[in-house]
C-alpha cells in the first residue's frame, strides 16, 4: 500500500533547518559535562520535539485551499 504524502509532512529543507536550530540550542545550553551518548540523546529529543511542533503548526495554519 502506497502512503500518500500529507501537506503537513516535513520536507528535507525543513528537516535540515530543524537540525541546525537544534545544534544551536545544544551549544547555547548551560550543561554539565555530558557523555557523547547523552549529547546524542539530548539532540534527538530536541529535534523530535521541534519536528512535532512544526508538523502541528503546518497542520493548524495551512489554508484549506493548499491542503491536499
Protein backbone atom coordinates (compact mmCIF):
# COMPACT_ATOMS: atom_id res chain seq x y z
CA UNK A 1 0.00 0.00 0.00
CA UNK A 2 1.44 3.34 -1.05
CA UNK A 3 1.05 6.09 1.52
CA UNK A 4 0.29 9.50 0.10
CA UNK A 5 2.36 12.39 1.40
CA UNK A 6 0.36 14.74 3.56
CA UNK A 7 0.68 18.50 3.38
CA UNK A 8 1.93 18.64 6.95
CA UNK A 9 4.87 16.28 6.44
CA UNK A 10 8.29 17.93 6.66
CA UNK A 11 10.44 18.31 3.58
CA UNK A 12 14.23 17.94 3.50
CA UNK A 13 14.87 21.68 3.84
CA UNK A 14 12.70 21.92 6.94
CA UNK A 15 14.42 18.90 8.49
CA UNK A 16 17.83 20.47 7.81
CA UNK A 17 16.71 23.76 9.39
CA UNK A 18 15.46 21.91 12.46
CA UNK A 19 18.79 20.08 12.72
CA UNK A 20 20.71 23.37 12.54
CA UNK A 21 18.46 25.01 15.14
CA UNK A 22 18.82 22.01 17.46
CA UNK A 23 22.61 22.22 17.14
CA UNK A 24 22.50 25.92 18.11
CA UNK A 25 20.28 25.14 21.10
CA UNK A 26 22.72 22.45 22.22
CA UNK A 27 25.64 24.92 22.04
CA UNK A 28 23.75 27.62 23.96
CA UNK A 29 22.55 25.38 26.77
CA UNK A 30 24.38 25.52 30.04
CA UNK A 31 25.15 21.91 30.67
CA UNK A 32 27.36 19.85 32.94
CA UNK A 33 29.86 17.60 31.20
CA UNK A 34 27.89 15.07 29.18
CA UNK A 35 29.00 11.86 27.58
CA UNK A 36 28.66 11.52 23.82
CA UNK A 37 25.67 9.21 24.16
CA UNK A 38 23.94 11.71 26.46
CA UNK A 39 24.61 14.53 23.98
CA UNK A 40 23.21 12.43 21.14
CA UNK A 41 20.08 11.55 23.11
CA UNK A 42 19.53 15.20 24.07
CA UNK A 43 19.97 16.29 20.45
CA UNK A 44 17.49 13.65 19.25
CA UNK A 45 14.99 14.71 21.91
CA UNK A 46 15.26 18.38 20.88
CA UNK A 47 14.92 17.53 17.18
CA UNK A 48 11.92 15.27 17.80
CA UNK A 49 10.14 17.95 19.80
CA UNK A 50 10.85 20.58 17.15
CA UNK A 51 9.63 18.29 14.34
CA UNK A 52 6.42 17.51 16.22
CA UNK A 53 5.76 21.20 16.80
CA UNK A 54 6.49 22.05 13.15
CA UNK A 55 4.05 19.39 11.90
CA UNK A 56 1.38 20.58 14.31
CA UNK A 57 1.84 24.19 13.20
CA UNK A 58 1.70 23.25 9.50
CA UNK A 59 -1.45 21.24 10.10
CA UNK A 60 -3.10 24.06 12.02
CA UNK A 61 -2.07 27.07 9.94
CA UNK A 62 -2.11 25.78 6.33
CA UNK A 63 -5.05 27.34 4.48
CA UNK A 64 -7.64 24.84 3.26
CA UNK A 65 -7.05 25.71 -0.38
CA UNK A 66 -3.45 24.39 -0.11
CA UNK A 67 -4.33 21.15 1.64
CA UNK A 68 -4.29 18.04 -0.50
